[in-house]
Amino acid sequence: MEMFVDIFQQLGTDKSIVHQFIIIIVMFYLTKFLFINHLHEIISKREDNTVGLEGNAEKQFEEIDKIQNEYKDKIQNANKEIKSMLDNDKMVIVKTHEAKYREQETEINKYIETSRKKIEEEINEKKSEVLGQAEELSSTLVGKITKGL
């Protein structure tokens, strides 16, 4: 300790150094309480408002991406459901109309068959009628040919 006292005496200090030291400590705590703490709060608020907002923005972008992905999934699922519903409805309609088509087709085929049979009968009647007249016509023809010569 004597060494410190010798050093201070060589620097030209006296007993008032203790009072000066106490004044410096008191002033330090006063300035800390009055200025530094408030300045620290202002700086930390500024940092929160600038750097903290950047972190919030990143979180919001992540949330936006998450919501977009959920939206895309919901849209795809809705499209798939609608497509399957349309396909099911289409199949039901096709089946009902196909059954009606088959019924109409069988009716038309029956009508065609009956019409064909009627026409064949008419043709056979006309054929037999013509063949029945064939002898008469051939004899008339032979008679005309022989008379003409």
C-alpha atoms as a PDB file:
ATOM      1  CA  MET A   1       0.000   0.000   0.000  1.00  0.00           C
ATOM      2  CA  GLU A   2       2.886   2.311   0.704  1.00  0.00           C
ATOM      3  CA  MET A   3       3.930   1.925  -2.840  1.00  0.00           C
ATOM      4  CA  PHE A   4       0.575   3.344  -4.058  1.00  0.00           C
ATOM      5  CA  VAL A   5       0.860   6.255  -1.648  1.00  0.00           C
ATOM      6  CA  ASP A   6       4.395   7.003  -2.925  1.00  0.00           C
ATOM      7  CA  ILE A   7       3.219   6.877  -6.523  1.00  0.00           C
ATOM      8  CA  PHE A   8       0.301   9.239  -5.791  1.00  0.00           C
ATOM      9  CA  GLN A   9       2.614  11.646  -3.903  1.00  0.00           C
ATOM     10  CA  GLN A  10       5.026  11.698  -6.856  1.00  0.00           C
ATOM     11  CA  LEU A  11       2.070  12.549  -9.106  1.00  0.00           C
ATOM     12  CA  GLY A  12       1.252  15.465  -6.847  1.00  0.00           C
ATOM     13  CA  THR A  13      -1.936  14.226  -5.247  1.00  0.00           C
ATOM     14  CA  ASP A  14      -2.966  14.916  -1.712  1.00  0.00           C
ATOM     15  CA  LYS A  15      -5.645  13.710   0.718  1.00  0.00           C
ATOM     16  CA  SER A  16      -8.449  15.107  -1.450  1.00  0.00           C
ATOM     17  CA  ILE A  17      -8.072  12.153  -3.818  1.00  0.00           C
ATOM     18  CA  VAL A  18     -10.387  10.098  -1.643  1.00  0.00           C
ATOM     19  CA  HIS A  19     -13.062  12.778  -1.905  1.00  0.00           C
ATOM     20  CA  GLN A  20     -12.530  13.026  -5.650  1.00  0.00           C
ATOM     21  CA  PHE A  21     -12.797   9.253  -5.969  1.00  0.00           C
ATOM     22  CA  ILE A  22     -16.082   9.227  -3.997  1.00  0.00           C
ATOM     23  CA  ILE A  23     -17.430  12.077  -6.159  1.00  0.00           C
ATOM     24  CA  ILE A  24     -16.507  10.141  -9.332  1.00  0.00           C
ATOM     25  CA  ILE A  25     -18.292   6.997  -8.064  1.00  0.00           C
ATOM     26  CA  VAL A  26     -21.383   8.979  -7.066  1.00  0.00           C
ATOM     27  CA  MET A  27     -21.411  10.773 -10.432  1.00  0.00           C
ATOM     28  CA  PHE A  28     -20.990   7.449 -12.231  1.00  0.00           C
ATOM     29  CA  TYR A  29     -24.064   5.966 -10.496  1.00  0.00           C
ATOM     30  CA  LEU A  30     -26.071   9.152 -11.046  1.00  0.00           C
ATOM     31  CA  THR A  31     -25.223   9.267 -14.742  1.00  0.00           C
ATOM     32  CA  LYS A  32     -25.898   5.581 -15.015  1.00  0.00           C
ATOM     33  CA  PHE A  33     -29.302   5.978 -13.401  1.00  0.00           C
ATOM     34  CA  LEU A  34     -30.230   9.202 -15.221  1.00  0.00           C
ATOM     35  CA  PHE A  35     -28.718   8.725 -18.685  1.00  0.00           C
ATOM     36  CA  ILE A  36     -27.125   5.389 -19.422  1.00  0.00           C
ATOM     37  CA  ASN A  37     -30.099   3.228 -18.422  1.00  0.00           C
ATOM     38  CA  HIS A  38     -32.435   5.353 -20.561  1.00  0.00           C
ATOM     39  CA  LEU A  39     -29.988   5.324 -23.436  1.00  0.00           C
ATOM     40  CA  HIS A  40     -29.704   1.539 -23.128  1.00  0.00           C
ATOM     41  CA  GLU A  41     -33.527   1.215 -23.238  1.00  0.00           C
ATOM     42  CA  ILE A  42     -33.721   3.424 -26.318  1.00  0.00           C
ATOM     43  CA  ILE A  43     -30.996   1.456 -28.091  1.00  0.00           C
ATOM     44  CA  SER A  44     -32.578  -1.906 -27.212  1.00  0.00           C
ATOM     45  CA  LYS A  45     -36.014  -0.677 -28.408  1.00  0.00           C
ATOM     46  CA  ARG A  46     -34.455   0.520 -31.620  1.00  0.00           C
ATOM     47  CA  GLU A  47     -32.741  -2.822 -32.079  1.00  0.00           C
ATOM     48  CA  ASP A  48     -36.011  -4.659 -31.397  1.00  0.00           C
ATOM     49  CA  ASN A  49     -37.822  -2.440 -33.883  1.00  0.00           C
ATOM     50  CA  THR A  50     -35.225  -2.914 -36.621  1.00  0.00           C
ATOM     51  CA  VAL A  51     -33.600  -6.300 -36.174  1.00  0.00           C
ATOM     52  CA  GLY A  52     -36.583  -7.784 -34.357  1.00  0.00           C
ATOM     53  CA  LEU A  53     -38.890  -6.818 -37.218  1.00  0.00           C
ATOM     54  CA  GLU A  54     -36.615  -8.643 -39.620  1.00  0.00           C
ATOM     55  CA  GLY A  55     -37.047 -11.793 -37.567  1.00  0.00           C
ATOM     56  CA  ASN A  56     -40.808 -11.205 -37.471  1.00  0.00           C
ATOM     57  CA  ALA A  57     -40.831 -10.712 -41.227  1.00  0.00           C
ATOM     58  CA  GLU A  58     -39.061 -14.037 -41.713  1.00  0.00           C
ATOM     59  CA  LYS A  59     -41.608 -15.714 -39.437  1.00  0.00           C
ATOM     60  CA  GLN A  60     -44.427 -14.102 -41.389  1.00  0.00           C
ATOM     61  CA  PHE A  61     -42.916 -15.272 -44.683  1.00  0.00           C
ATOM     62  CA  GLU A  62     -42.682 -18.798 -43.283  1.00  0.00           C
ATOM     63  CA  GLU A  63     -46.296 -18.559 -42.158  1.00  0.00           C
ATOM     64  CA  ILE A  64     -47.310 -17.261 -45.595  1.00  0.00           C
ATOM     65  CA  ASP A  65     -45.508 -20.169 -47.278  1.00  0.00           C
ATOM     66  CA  LYS A  66     -47.239 -22.592 -44.921  1.00  0.00           C
ATOM     67  CA  ILE A  67     -50.648 -21.063 -45.650  1.00  0.00           C
ATOM     68  CA  GLN A  68     -49.935 -21.124 -49.408  1.00  0.00           C
ATOM     69  CA  ASN A  69     -49.033 -24.806 -49.256  1.00  0.00           C
ATOM     70  CA  GLU A  70     -52.180 -25.565 -47.266  1.00  0.00           C
ATOM     71  CA  TYR A  71     -54.229 -23.586 -49.802  1.00  0.00           C
ATOM     72  CA  LYS A  72     -52.675 -25.470 -52.718  1.00  0.00           C
ATOM     73  CA  ASP A  73     -53.350 -28.796 -50.999  1.00  0.00           C
ATOM     74  CA  LYS A  74     -56.958 -27.843 -50.313  1.00  0.00           C
ATOM     75  CA  ILE A  75     -57.453 -26.693 -53.917  1.00  0.00           C
ATOM     76  CA  GLN A  76     -55.944 -29.916 -55.263  1.00  0.00           C
ATOM     77  CA  ASN A  77     -58.104 -32.017 -52.953  1.00  0.00           C
ATOM     78  CA  ALA A  78     -61.197 -30.041 -53.945  1.00  0.00           C
ATOM     79  CA  ASN A  79     -60.352 -30.482 -57.635  1.00  0.00           C
ATOM     80  CA  LYS A  80     -59.864 -34.215 -57.128  1.00  0.00           C
ATOM     81  CA  GLU A  81     -63.164 -34.510 -55.270  1.00  0.00           C
ATOM     82  CA  ILE A  82     -65.026 -32.535 -57.929  1.00  0.00           C
ATOM     83  CA  LYS A  83     -63.436 -34.596 -60.699  1.00  0.00           C
ATOM     84  CA  SER A  84     -64.367 -37.852 -58.984  1.00  0.00           C
ATOM     85  CA  MET A  85     -67.925 -36.581 -58.438  1.00  0.00           C
ATOM     86  CA  LEU A  86     -68.178 -35.574 -62.093  1.00  0.00           C
ATOM     87  CA  ASP A  87     -66.796 -38.928 -63.203  1.00  0.00           C
ATOM     88  CA  ASN A  88     -69.292 -40.759 -60.986  1.00  0.00           C
ATOM     89  CA  ASP A  89     -72.186 -38.646 -62.276  1.00  0.00           C
ATOM     90  CA  LYS A  90     -70.984 -39.181 -65.831  1.00  0.00           C
ATOM     91  CA  MET A  91     -70.836 -42.932 -65.310  1.00  0.00           C
ATOM     92  CA  VAL A  92     -74.378 -42.957 -63.886  1.00  0.00           C
ATOM     93  CA  ILE A  93     -75.667 -40.929 -66.829  1.00  0.00           C
ATOM     94  CA  VAL A  94     -73.812 -43.098 -69.328  1.00  0.00           C
ATOM     95  CA  LYS A  95     -75.202 -46.262 -67.769  1.00  0.00           C
ATOM     96  CA  THR A  96     -78.781 -44.988 -67.761  1.00  0.00           C
ATOM     97  CA  HIS A  97     -78.557 -43.746 -71.329  1.00  0.00           C
ATOM     98  CA  GLU A  98     -76.724 -46.864 -72.418  1.00  0.00           C
ATOM     99  CA  ALA A  99     -79.565 -48.988 -71.052  1.00  0.00           C
ATOM    100  CA  LYS A 100     -82.066 -46.805 -72.931  1.00  0.00           C
ATOM    101  CA  TYR A 101     -79.888 -47.050 -76.036  1.00  0.00           C
ATOM    102  CA  ARG A 102     -79.809 -50.847 -75.788  1.00  0.00           C
ATOM    103  CA  GLU A 103     -83.595 -50.952 -75.404  1.00  0.00           C
ATOM    104  CA  GLN A 104     -84.068 -48.710 -78.424  1.00  0.00           C
ATOM    105  CA  GLU A 105     -81.548 -50.751 -80.371  1.00  0.00           C
ATOM    106  CA  THR A 106     -83.401 -54.014 -79.656  1.00  0.00           C
ATOM    107  CA  GLU A 107     -86.704 -52.376 -80.629  1.00  0.00           C
ATOM    108  CA  ILE A 108     -85.205 -51.086 -83.873  1.00  0.00           C
ATOM    109  CA  ASN A 109     -83.664 -54.491 -84.625  1.00  0.00           C
ATOM    110  CA  LYS A 110     -87.048 -56.133 -84.066  1.00  0.00           C
ATOM    111  CA  TYR A 111     -88.710 -53.586 -86.357  1.00  0.00           C
ATOM    112  CA  ILE A 112     -86.033 -54.177 -89.012  1.00  0.00           C
ATOM    113  CA  GLU A 113     -86.524 -57.943 -88.785  1.00  0.00           C
ATOM    114  CA  THR A 114     -90.308 -57.690 -89.101  1.00  0.00           C
ATOM    115  CA  SER A 115     -89.961 -55.231 -91.991  1.00  0.00           C
ATOM    116  CA  ARG A 116     -87.454 -57.522 -93.698  1.00  0.00           C
ATOM    117  CA  LYS A 117     -89.782 -60.513 -93.343  1.00  0.00           C
ATOM    118  CA  LYS A 118     -92.710 -58.519 -94.753  1.00  0.00           C
ATOM    119  CA  ILE A 119     -90.644 -57.321 -97.705  1.00  0.00           C
ATOM    120  CA  GLU A 120     -89.312 -60.830 -98.351  1.00  0.00           C
ATOM    121  CA  GLU A 121     -92.891 -62.143 -98.309  1.00  0.00           C
ATOM    122  CA  GLU A 122     -93.935 -59.408-100.748  1.00  0.00           C
ATOM    123  CA  ILE A 123     -90.946 -60.154-102.964  1.00  0.00           C
ATOM    124  CA  ASN A 124     -91.736 -63.872-102.887  1.00  0.00           C
ATOM    125  CA  GLU A 125     -95.384 -63.123-103.769  1.00  0.00           C
ATOM    126  CA  LYS A 126     -94.355 -60.869-106.678  1.00  0.00           C
ATOM    127  CA  LYS A 127     -91.791 -63.444-107.755  1.00  0.00           C
ATOM    128  CA  SER A 128     -94.324 -66.256-107.760  1.00  0.00           C
ATOM    129  CA  GLU A 129     -96.802 -63.983-109.552  1.00  0.00           C
ATOM    130  CA  VAL A 130     -94.224 -63.112-112.189  1.00  0.00           C
ATOM    131  CA  LEU A 131     -93.161 -66.736-112.505  1.00  0.00           C
ATOM    132  CA  GLY A 132     -96.825 -67.731-112.781  1.00  0.00           C
ATOM    133  CA  GLN A 133     -97.174 -65.322-115.677  1.00  0.00           C
ATOM    134  CA  ALA A 134     -93.876 -66.448-117.184  1.00  0.00           C
ATOM    135  CA  GLU A 135     -95.443 -69.271-119.207  1.00  0.00           C
ATOM    136  CA  GLU A 136     -98.133 -67.020-120.563  1.00  0.00           C
ATOM    137  CA  LEU A 137     -95.637 -64.287-121.408  1.00  0.00           C
ATOM    138  CA  SER A 138     -93.212 -66.733-122.992  1.00  0.00           C
ATOM    139  CA  SER A 139     -95.939 -68.239-125.152  1.00  0.00           C
ATOM    140  CA  THR A 140     -97.083 -64.742-126.219  1.00  0.00           C
ATOM    141  CA  LEU A 141     -93.477 -63.874-127.002  1.00  0.00           C
ATOM    142  CA  VAL A 142     -92.953 -67.060-128.987  1.00  0.00           C
ATOM    143  CA  GLY A 143     -96.200 -66.394-130.809  1.00  0.00           C
ATOM    144  CA  LYS A 144     -95.142 -62.879-131.746  1.00  0.00           C
ATOM    145  CA  ILE A 145     -91.736 -64.040-132.835  1.00  0.00           C
ATOM    146  CA  THR A 146     -93.152 -66.807-134.978  1.00  0.00           C
ATOM    147  CA  LYS A 147     -95.769 -64.551-136.538  1.00  0.00           C
ATOM    148  CA  GLY A 148     -93.235 -61.936-137.296  1.00  0.00           C
ATOM    149  CA  LEU A 149     -91.093 -64.313-139.300  1.00  0.00           C
END
